Amino acid sequence: MALPEIKTILYATSLGKHTRPVFRQAVKQATQNEAKIVMLHVVEPMGEMGHALIQNYVSEDLIKQMHDEGIQEIHKTMHDRIEAFCAEELQSLEKSVSLNIEYKVAEGNYTDSILDAAQTVNADMIVLGAENRFGHHSHTSQQVMRHAKIPVLIVPTGKGFK
């Protein structure tokens, strides 16, 4: 029986300040396996009540424009984070590291969106953090680990983990 190949890694991120150790692990796995990283950020959609309230003050076209601009800003933030990581951490390595990264933003429930994205991009592994942005154990990581059909690497992000 052959060892499983890891060619695509789904890296799910909240884009919080505490997520760099998680990305380091995704980069390590990608480098060792010559794999592509699909960087995913999930945003919860606006609820019906919020949408109804905003609709009373602005047009549907402006709501769509604001939504699209918000998604573009998330993509820019993701790209900027990768650029900073490469400049700060990869430049000093003896061996050059080339990263193949694709950016995705999904809207919906965190767990479902991560699992759906893993299936859509045909990921061989999921990498995500163990704690949420408040430093509490993440319900999302537990649910992803429980329901994923591929290996899941859960990386500690709190308590000074580097």
N, C-alpha and C. Protein backbone atom coordinates (compact mmCIF):
# COMPACT_ATOMS: atom_id res chain seq x y z
N MET A 1 0.85 -1.18 0.00
CA MET A 1 0.00 0.00 0.00
C MET A 1 0.89 1.24 0.00
N ALA A 2 0.59 2.18 -0.88
CA ALA A 2 1.38 3.41 -1.00
C ALA A 2 0.99 4.41 0.08
N LEU A 3 1.94 5.20 0.48
CA LEU A 3 1.66 6.28 1.43
C LEU A 3 0.80 7.34 0.74
N PRO A 4 -0.12 7.96 1.48
CA PRO A 4 -0.98 8.97 0.85
C PRO A 4 -0.17 10.19 0.42
N GLU A 5 -0.53 10.72 -0.72
CA GLU A 5 0.13 11.93 -1.21
C GLU A 5 -0.62 13.16 -0.71
N ILE A 6 0.13 14.19 -0.42
CA ILE A 6 -0.45 15.47 -0.02
C ILE A 6 -0.03 16.48 -1.08
N LYS A 7 -0.98 16.81 -1.95
CA LYS A 7 -0.71 17.75 -3.03
C LYS A 7 -1.42 19.09 -2.85
N THR A 8 -2.51 19.07 -2.07
CA THR A 8 -3.26 20.31 -1.82
C THR A 8 -3.60 20.37 -0.33
N ILE A 9 -3.23 21.48 0.28
CA ILE A 9 -3.49 21.70 1.71
C ILE A 9 -4.46 22.87 1.83
N LEU A 10 -5.56 22.62 2.53
CA LEU A 10 -6.49 23.71 2.83
C LEU A 10 -6.08 24.31 4.17
N TYR A 11 -5.67 25.56 4.15
CA TYR A 11 -5.30 26.29 5.37
C TYR A 11 -6.43 27.24 5.69
N ALA A 12 -7.19 26.94 6.75
CA ALA A 12 -8.31 27.79 7.16
C ALA A 12 -7.81 28.79 8.20
N THR A 13 -8.11 30.06 7.98
CA THR A 13 -7.61 31.11 8.86
C THR A 13 -8.68 32.13 9.22
N SER A 14 -8.60 32.62 10.45
CA SER A 14 -9.49 33.70 10.88
C SER A 14 -8.85 35.06 10.58
N LEU A 15 -7.60 35.04 10.10
CA LEU A 15 -6.81 36.23 9.83
C LEU A 15 -6.47 37.00 11.10
N GLY A 16 -6.57 36.34 12.25
CA GLY A 16 -6.21 36.97 13.51
C GLY A 16 -4.70 37.05 13.68
N LYS A 17 -4.27 37.85 14.65
CA LYS A 17 -2.84 38.02 14.91
C LYS A 17 -2.20 36.73 15.41
N HIS A 18 -2.97 35.85 15.98
CA HIS A 18 -2.47 34.62 16.58
C HIS A 18 -2.29 33.48 15.56
N THR A 19 -2.52 33.72 14.28
CA THR A 19 -2.57 32.62 13.31
C THR A 19 -1.25 32.30 12.62
N ARG A 20 -0.21 33.06 12.86
CA ARG A 20 1.05 32.79 12.15
C ARG A 20 1.61 31.40 12.43
N PRO A 21 1.56 30.89 13.66
CA PRO A 21 2.06 29.52 13.89
C PRO A 21 1.30 28.47 13.06
N VAL A 22 0.04 28.71 12.82
CA VAL A 22 -0.76 27.79 12.01
C VAL A 22 -0.26 27.83 10.57
N PHE A 23 -0.04 29.04 10.06
CA PHE A 23 0.45 29.16 8.69
C PHE A 23 1.84 28.55 8.54
N ARG A 24 2.68 28.72 9.56
CA ARG A 24 4.01 28.08 9.52
C ARG A 24 3.89 26.58 9.28
N GLN A 25 2.95 25.96 9.99
CA GLN A 25 2.76 24.51 9.84
C GLN A 25 2.24 24.17 8.45
N ALA A 26 1.36 24.99 7.91
CA ALA A 26 0.87 24.76 6.55
C ALA A 26 2.01 24.87 5.55
N VAL A 27 2.87 25.87 5.74
CA VAL A 27 4.03 26.05 4.86
C VAL A 27 4.98 24.86 4.98
N LYS A 28 5.22 24.42 6.20
CA LYS A 28 6.10 23.26 6.43
C LYS A 28 5.57 22.03 5.70
N GLN A 29 4.27 21.76 5.85
CA GLN A 29 3.67 20.61 5.18
C GLN A 29 3.73 20.77 3.66
N ALA A 30 3.45 21.97 3.17
CA ALA A 30 3.49 22.22 1.73
C ALA A 30 4.90 22.05 1.17
N THR A 31 5.88 22.54 1.91
CA THR A 31 7.27 22.43 1.47
C THR A 31 7.72 20.98 1.44
N GLN A 32 7.41 20.24 2.48
CA GLN A 32 7.82 18.83 2.55
C GLN A 32 7.15 17.99 1.47
N ASN A 33 5.93 18.35 1.10
CA ASN A 33 5.17 17.54 0.16
C ASN A 33 5.06 18.15 -1.23
N GLU A 34 5.72 19.29 -1.45
CA GLU A 34 5.61 20.02 -2.71
C GLU A 34 4.15 20.23 -3.07
N ALA A 35 3.39 20.70 -2.08
CA ALA A 35 1.95 20.85 -2.23
C ALA A 35 1.56 22.32 -2.39
N LYS A 36 0.38 22.50 -2.92
CA LYS A 36 -0.22 23.83 -3.04
C LYS A 36 -1.00 24.10 -1.76
N ILE A 37 -1.03 25.37 -1.34
CA ILE A 37 -1.83 25.79 -0.20
C ILE A 37 -3.02 26.58 -0.72
N VAL A 38 -4.20 26.20 -0.27
CA VAL A 38 -5.40 26.99 -0.53
C VAL A 38 -5.74 27.66 0.80
N MET A 39 -5.58 28.97 0.84
CA MET A 39 -5.82 29.75 2.05
C MET A 39 -7.29 30.17 2.06
N LEU A 40 -8.02 29.75 3.09
CA LEU A 40 -9.45 30.00 3.17
C LEU A 40 -9.79 30.85 4.38
N HIS A 41 -10.57 31.88 4.14
CA HIS A 41 -11.13 32.68 5.22
C HIS A 41 -12.65 32.61 5.09
N VAL A 42 -13.31 32.27 6.18
CA VAL A 42 -14.77 32.14 6.17
C VAL A 42 -15.37 33.32 6.92
N VAL A 43 -16.37 33.93 6.30
CA VAL A 43 -17.12 35.00 6.95
C VAL A 43 -18.57 34.56 7.07
N GLU A 44 -19.16 34.90 8.19
CA GLU A 44 -20.57 34.59 8.37
C GLU A 44 -21.39 35.61 7.59
N PRO A 45 -22.41 35.14 6.87
CA PRO A 45 -23.24 36.10 6.14
C PRO A 45 -24.07 36.94 7.11
N MET A 46 -24.47 38.09 6.64
CA MET A 46 -25.30 38.96 7.46
C MET A 46 -26.66 38.29 7.65
N GLY A 47 -27.16 38.34 8.84
CA GLY A 47 -28.46 37.75 9.14
C GLY A 47 -29.60 38.53 8.50
N GLU A 48 -30.76 37.93 8.49
CA GLU A 48 -31.93 38.56 7.90
C GLU A 48 -32.28 39.88 8.58
N MET A 49 -32.17 39.90 9.90
CA MET A 49 -32.51 41.11 10.65
C MET A 49 -31.55 42.25 10.29
N GLY A 50 -30.27 41.96 10.27
CA GLY A 50 -29.29 42.99 9.91
C GLY A 50 -29.50 43.49 8.49
N HIS A 51 -29.76 42.57 7.58
CA HIS A 51 -30.00 42.95 6.19
C HIS A 51 -31.24 43.84 6.08
N ALA A 52 -32.31 43.47 6.79
CA ALA A 52 -33.54 44.25 6.75
C ALA A 52 -33.31 45.66 7.30
N LEU A 53 -32.53 45.77 8.38
CA LEU A 53 -32.25 47.09 8.96
C LEU A 53 -31.45 47.96 7.99
N ILE A 54 -30.41 47.39 7.40
CA ILE A 54 -29.57 48.16 6.47
C ILE A 54 -30.36 48.55 5.24
N GLN A 55 -31.23 47.65 4.79
CA GLN A 55 -32.02 47.90 3.58
C GLN A 55 -32.90 49.14 3.74
N ASN A 56 -33.25 49.48 4.97
CA ASN A 56 -34.06 50.68 5.21
C ASN A 56 -33.27 51.96 4.97
N TYR A 57 -31.94 51.88 4.97
CA TYR A 57 -31.11 53.08 4.86
C TYR A 57 -30.33 53.19 3.56
N VAL A 58 -30.03 52.06 2.94
CA VAL A 58 -29.24 52.10 1.71
C VAL A 58 -29.87 51.17 0.67
N SER A 59 -29.55 51.42 -0.59
CA SER A 59 -30.13 50.62 -1.67
C SER A 59 -29.48 49.23 -1.74
N GLU A 60 -30.18 48.32 -2.39
CA GLU A 60 -29.68 46.96 -2.57
C GLU A 60 -28.37 46.97 -3.36
N ASP A 61 -28.26 47.89 -4.34
CA ASP A 61 -27.02 48.01 -5.13
C ASP A 61 -25.85 48.41 -4.24
N LEU A 62 -26.09 49.35 -3.33
CA LEU A 62 -25.02 49.78 -2.42
C LEU A 62 -24.64 48.66 -1.46
N ILE A 63 -25.61 47.89 -1.00
CA ILE A 63 -25.31 46.74 -0.14
C ILE A 63 -24.42 45.75 -0.88
N LYS A 64 -24.76 45.46 -2.13
CA LYS A 64 -23.94 44.53 -2.94
C LYS A 64 -22.53 45.10 -3.15
N GLN A 65 -22.44 46.39 -3.44
CA GLN A 65 -21.15 47.03 -3.64
C GLN A 65 -20.29 46.94 -2.37
N MET A 66 -20.91 47.20 -1.22
CA MET A 66 -20.18 47.12 0.05
C MET A 66 -19.71 45.69 0.31
N HIS A 67 -20.56 44.72 0.01
CA HIS A 67 -20.21 43.31 0.16
C HIS A 67 -19.01 42.96 -0.70
N ASP A 68 -19.08 43.33 -1.99
CA ASP A 68 -18.00 43.01 -2.92
C ASP A 68 -16.69 43.69 -2.52
N GLU A 69 -16.77 44.93 -2.07
CA GLU A 69 -15.57 45.63 -1.61
C GLU A 69 -14.99 44.96 -0.36
N GLY A 70 -15.87 44.49 0.52
CA GLY A 70 -15.41 43.78 1.71
C GLY A 70 -14.66 42.50 1.36
N ILE A 71 -15.18 41.74 0.40
CA ILE A 71 -14.52 40.50 -0.04
C ILE A 71 -13.17 40.84 -0.67
N GLN A 72 -13.12 41.90 -1.49
CA GLN A 72 -11.85 42.31 -2.10
C GLN A 72 -10.83 42.70 -1.02
N GLU A 73 -11.29 43.37 0.02
CA GLU A 73 -10.40 43.78 1.11
C GLU A 73 -9.86 42.56 1.85
N ILE A 74 -10.68 41.54 2.02
CA ILE A 74 -10.21 40.29 2.66
C ILE A 74 -9.13 39.65 1.80
N HIS A 75 -9.34 39.59 0.49
CA HIS A 75 -8.32 39.04 -0.42
C HIS A 75 -7.01 39.82 -0.31
N LYS A 76 -7.12 41.15 -0.24
CA LYS A 76 -5.92 41.98 -0.11
C LYS A 76 -5.21 41.70 1.22
N THR A 77 -5.98 41.57 2.30
CA THR A 77 -5.40 41.26 3.60
C THR A 77 -4.68 39.91 3.56
N MET A 78 -5.29 38.93 2.92
CA MET A 78 -4.66 37.61 2.81
C MET A 78 -3.34 37.71 2.05
N HIS A 79 -3.37 38.42 0.93
CA HIS A 79 -2.16 38.59 0.12
C HIS A 79 -1.07 39.33 0.91
N ASP A 80 -1.46 40.39 1.60
CA ASP A 80 -0.50 41.16 2.39
C ASP A 80 0.12 40.31 3.50
N ARG A 81 -0.68 39.47 4.13
CA ARG A 81 -0.17 38.58 5.19
C ARG A 81 0.88 37.62 4.64
N ILE A 82 0.62 37.08 3.46
CA ILE A 82 1.58 36.15 2.85
C ILE A 82 2.86 36.88 2.49
N GLU A 83 2.73 38.06 1.92
CA GLU A 83 3.91 38.86 1.57
C GLU A 83 4.76 39.14 2.81
N ALA A 84 4.11 39.53 3.91
CA ALA A 84 4.84 39.83 5.15
C ALA A 84 5.51 38.57 5.69
N PHE A 85 4.81 37.46 5.66
CA PHE A 85 5.38 36.20 6.14
C PHE A 85 6.62 35.84 5.34
N CYS A 86 6.52 35.93 4.02
CA CYS A 86 7.67 35.59 3.17
C CYS A 86 8.85 36.51 3.45
N ALA A 87 8.59 37.79 3.56
CA ALA A 87 9.65 38.76 3.80
C ALA A 87 10.29 38.56 5.17
N GLU A 88 9.49 38.26 6.18
CA GLU A 88 10.00 38.16 7.54
C GLU A 88 10.57 36.79 7.90
N GLU A 89 10.07 35.73 7.29
CA GLU A 89 10.47 34.40 7.74
C GLU A 89 11.14 33.54 6.69
N LEU A 90 10.79 33.70 5.43
CA LEU A 90 11.35 32.80 4.42
C LEU A 90 12.66 33.31 3.82
N GLN A 91 12.88 34.62 3.86
CA GLN A 91 14.09 35.18 3.27
C GLN A 91 15.35 34.73 3.99
N SER A 92 15.25 34.44 5.27
CA SER A 92 16.43 34.09 6.06
C SER A 92 16.79 32.61 5.99
N LEU A 93 15.99 31.81 5.33
CA LEU A 93 16.28 30.37 5.24
C LEU A 93 17.43 30.10 4.28
N GLU A 94 18.19 29.06 4.58
CA GLU A 94 19.31 28.70 3.71
C GLU A 94 18.82 28.24 2.34
N LYS A 95 17.77 27.45 2.35
CA LYS A 95 17.21 26.91 1.10
C LYS A 95 15.99 27.75 0.70
N SER A 96 15.94 28.15 -0.54
CA SER A 96 14.84 28.95 -1.03
C SER A 96 13.53 28.15 -1.01
N VAL A 97 12.46 28.83 -0.58
CA VAL A 97 11.14 28.20 -0.52
C VAL A 97 10.22 28.95 -1.46
N SER A 98 9.59 28.21 -2.35
CA SER A 98 8.63 28.79 -3.28
C SER A 98 7.24 28.30 -2.90
N LEU A 99 6.33 29.23 -2.67
CA LEU A 99 4.98 28.87 -2.25
C LEU A 99 3.99 29.02 -3.39
N ASN A 100 3.12 28.05 -3.51
CA ASN A 100 2.02 28.09 -4.46
C ASN A 100 0.76 28.25 -3.62
N ILE A 101 0.19 29.46 -3.61
CA ILE A 101 -0.94 29.76 -2.72
C ILE A 101 -2.10 30.33 -3.53
N GLU A 102 -3.27 29.80 -3.25
CA GLU A 102 -4.52 30.28 -3.84
C GLU A 102 -5.35 30.83 -2.68
N TYR A 103 -6.06 31.94 -2.92
CA TYR A 103 -6.87 32.57 -1.89
C TYR A 103 -8.35 32.33 -2.15
N LYS A 104 -9.08 31.98 -1.09
CA LYS A 104 -10.52 31.78 -1.20
C LYS A 104 -11.21 32.41 0.00
N VAL A 105 -12.38 33.00 -0.25
CA VAL A 105 -13.23 33.51 0.81
C VAL A 105 -14.57 32.80 0.66
N ALA A 106 -15.06 32.26 1.75
CA ALA A 106 -16.36 31.58 1.74
C ALA A 106 -17.28 32.27 2.73
N GLU A 107 -18.57 32.20 2.43
CA GLU A 107 -19.57 32.77 3.33
C GLU A 107 -20.46 31.65 3.84
N GLY A 108 -20.63 31.60 5.16
CA GLY A 108 -21.50 30.59 5.73
C GLY A 108 -21.00 30.13 7.07
N ASN A 109 -21.55 29.01 7.51
CA ASN A 109 -21.13 28.38 8.75
C ASN A 109 -19.66 27.97 8.62
N TYR A 110 -18.87 28.23 9.66
CA TYR A 110 -17.43 27.96 9.58
C TYR A 110 -17.13 26.50 9.25
N THR A 111 -17.66 25.59 10.03
CA THR A 111 -17.35 24.17 9.84
C THR A 111 -17.79 23.69 8.46
N ASP A 112 -19.02 23.96 8.09
CA ASP A 112 -19.52 23.52 6.79
C ASP A 112 -18.71 24.12 5.65
N SER A 113 -18.36 25.39 5.76
CA SER A 113 -17.60 26.07 4.71
C SER A 113 -16.21 25.47 4.55
N ILE A 114 -15.57 25.14 5.66
CA ILE A 114 -14.23 24.53 5.59
C ILE A 114 -14.32 23.15 4.96
N LEU A 115 -15.26 22.34 5.40
CA LEU A 115 -15.41 20.99 4.85
C LEU A 115 -15.81 21.03 3.37
N ASP A 116 -16.70 21.95 3.01
CA ASP A 116 -17.09 22.09 1.60
C ASP A 116 -15.90 22.53 0.74
N ALA A 117 -15.13 23.49 1.24
CA ALA A 117 -13.97 23.97 0.48
C ALA A 117 -12.94 22.86 0.31
N ALA A 118 -12.73 22.06 1.36
CA ALA A 118 -11.78 20.95 1.26
C ALA A 118 -12.19 20.00 0.14
N GLN A 119 -13.46 19.72 0.05
CA GLN A 119 -13.96 18.83 -1.00
C GLN A 119 -13.85 19.50 -2.37
N THR A 120 -14.22 20.77 -2.46
CA THR A 120 -14.20 21.50 -3.73
C THR A 120 -12.80 21.58 -4.32
N VAL A 121 -11.80 21.87 -3.49
CA VAL A 121 -10.43 22.02 -4.00
C VAL A 121 -9.67 20.69 -4.01
N ASN A 122 -10.38 19.62 -3.62
CA ASN A 122 -9.78 18.29 -3.57
C ASN A 122 -8.55 18.27 -2.65
N ALA A 123 -8.72 18.86 -1.47
CA ALA A 123 -7.62 18.94 -0.50
C ALA A 123 -7.27 17.55 0.04
N ASP A 124 -6.00 17.38 0.35
CA ASP A 124 -5.51 16.14 0.93
C ASP A 124 -5.29 16.28 2.43
N MET A 125 -5.32 17.53 2.92
CA MET A 125 -5.11 17.81 4.34
C MET A 125 -5.72 19.18 4.65
N ILE A 126 -6.22 19.31 5.88
CA ILE A 126 -6.71 20.59 6.37
C ILE A 126 -5.81 21.02 7.53
N VAL A 127 -5.41 22.28 7.53
CA VAL A 127 -4.62 22.83 8.63
C VAL A 127 -5.39 24.02 9.20
N LEU A 128 -5.63 23.98 10.53
CA LEU A 128 -6.30 25.10 11.18
C LEU A 128 -5.86 25.19 12.63
N GLY A 129 -6.16 26.33 13.24
CA GLY A 129 -5.76 26.58 14.62
C GLY A 129 -6.69 25.96 15.63
N ALA A 130 -6.16 25.73 16.83
CA ALA A 130 -6.92 25.08 17.90
C ALA A 130 -7.76 26.07 18.69
N GLU A 131 -7.35 27.34 18.72
CA GLU A 131 -8.08 28.33 19.50
C GLU A 131 -8.72 29.35 18.58
N ASN A 132 -9.82 29.93 19.05
CA ASN A 132 -10.46 30.99 18.27
C ASN A 132 -9.78 32.32 18.59
N ARG A 133 -10.29 33.39 18.01
CA ARG A 133 -9.63 34.69 18.20
C ARG A 133 -9.69 35.20 19.62
N PHE A 134 -10.52 34.59 20.46
CA PHE A 134 -10.62 35.01 21.85
C PHE A 134 -9.75 34.16 22.77
N GLY A 135 -8.99 33.22 22.18
CA GLY A 135 -8.12 32.37 22.97
C GLY A 135 -8.79 31.16 23.59
N HIS A 136 -10.05 30.92 23.21
CA HIS A 136 -10.78 29.77 23.72
C HIS A 136 -10.68 28.61 22.74
N HIS A 137 -10.80 27.40 23.25
CA HIS A 137 -10.75 26.23 22.39
C HIS A 137 -11.83 26.35 21.33
N SER A 138 -11.47 26.12 20.10
CA SER A 138 -12.37 26.35 18.98
C SER A 138 -13.34 25.21 18.73
N HIS A 139 -14.61 25.54 18.75
CA HIS A 139 -15.65 24.57 18.40
C HIS A 139 -15.50 24.16 16.94
N THR A 140 -15.09 25.10 16.10
CA THR A 140 -14.92 24.81 14.67
C THR A 140 -13.87 23.74 14.46
N SER A 141 -12.71 23.87 15.12
CA SER A 141 -11.66 22.86 14.92
C SER A 141 -12.13 21.49 15.38
N GLN A 142 -12.87 21.43 16.46
CA GLN A 142 -13.41 20.15 16.93
C GLN A 142 -14.35 19.54 15.91
N GLN A 143 -15.24 20.36 15.36
CA GLN A 143 -16.21 19.86 14.39
C GLN A 143 -15.56 19.46 13.07
N VAL A 144 -14.58 20.24 12.62
CA VAL A 144 -13.87 19.88 11.38
C VAL A 144 -13.15 18.55 11.57
N MET A 145 -12.47 18.41 12.68
CA MET A 145 -11.75 17.16 12.96
C MET A 145 -12.72 15.98 13.01
N ARG A 146 -13.87 16.18 13.61
CA ARG A 146 -14.86 15.11 13.76
C ARG A 146 -15.44 14.68 12.42
N HIS A 147 -15.67 15.62 11.50
CA HIS A 147 -16.41 15.31 10.27
C HIS A 147 -15.55 15.22 9.01
N ALA A 148 -14.29 15.61 9.07
CA ALA A 148 -13.44 15.58 7.88
C ALA A 148 -13.15 14.14 7.44
N LYS A 149 -13.00 14.00 6.13
CA LYS A 149 -12.69 12.69 5.57
C LYS A 149 -11.22 12.62 5.13
N ILE A 150 -10.48 13.66 5.49
CA ILE A 150 -9.05 13.72 5.20
C ILE A 150 -8.33 14.10 6.49
N PRO A 151 -7.00 13.93 6.54
CA PRO A 151 -6.28 14.32 7.76
C PRO A 151 -6.45 15.81 8.09
N VAL A 152 -6.52 16.08 9.38
CA VAL A 152 -6.65 17.46 9.87
C VAL A 152 -5.51 17.71 10.85
N LEU A 153 -4.75 18.75 10.60
CA LEU A 153 -3.68 19.16 11.49
C LEU A 153 -4.18 20.36 12.30
N ILE A 154 -4.34 20.15 13.61
CA ILE A 154 -4.79 21.22 14.50
C ILE A 154 -3.56 21.77 15.21
N VAL A 155 -3.33 23.07 15.06
CA VAL A 155 -2.13 23.71 15.59
C VAL A 155 -2.49 24.60 16.76
N PRO A 156 -1.81 24.44 17.91
CA PRO A 156 -2.09 25.35 19.03
C PRO A 156 -1.70 26.77 18.65
N THR A 157 -2.49 27.72 19.08
CA THR A 157 -2.20 29.12 18.73
C THR A 157 -2.03 29.99 19.97
N GLY A 158 -2.50 29.55 21.08
CA GLY A 158 -2.41 30.35 22.31
C GLY A 158 -1.22 29.94 23.14
N LYS A 159 -1.13 30.48 24.33
CA LYS A 159 -0.12 30.11 25.32
C LYS A 159 1.30 30.28 24.81
N GLY A 160 1.52 31.24 23.95
CA GLY A 160 2.87 31.54 23.49
C GLY A 160 3.44 30.53 22.50
N PHE A 161 2.60 29.70 21.89
CA PHE A 161 3.10 28.73 20.91
C PHE A 161 3.70 29.45 19.73
N LYS A 162 4.85 28.99 19.30
CA LYS A 162 5.51 29.61 18.15
C LYS A 162 5.75 28.55 17.15
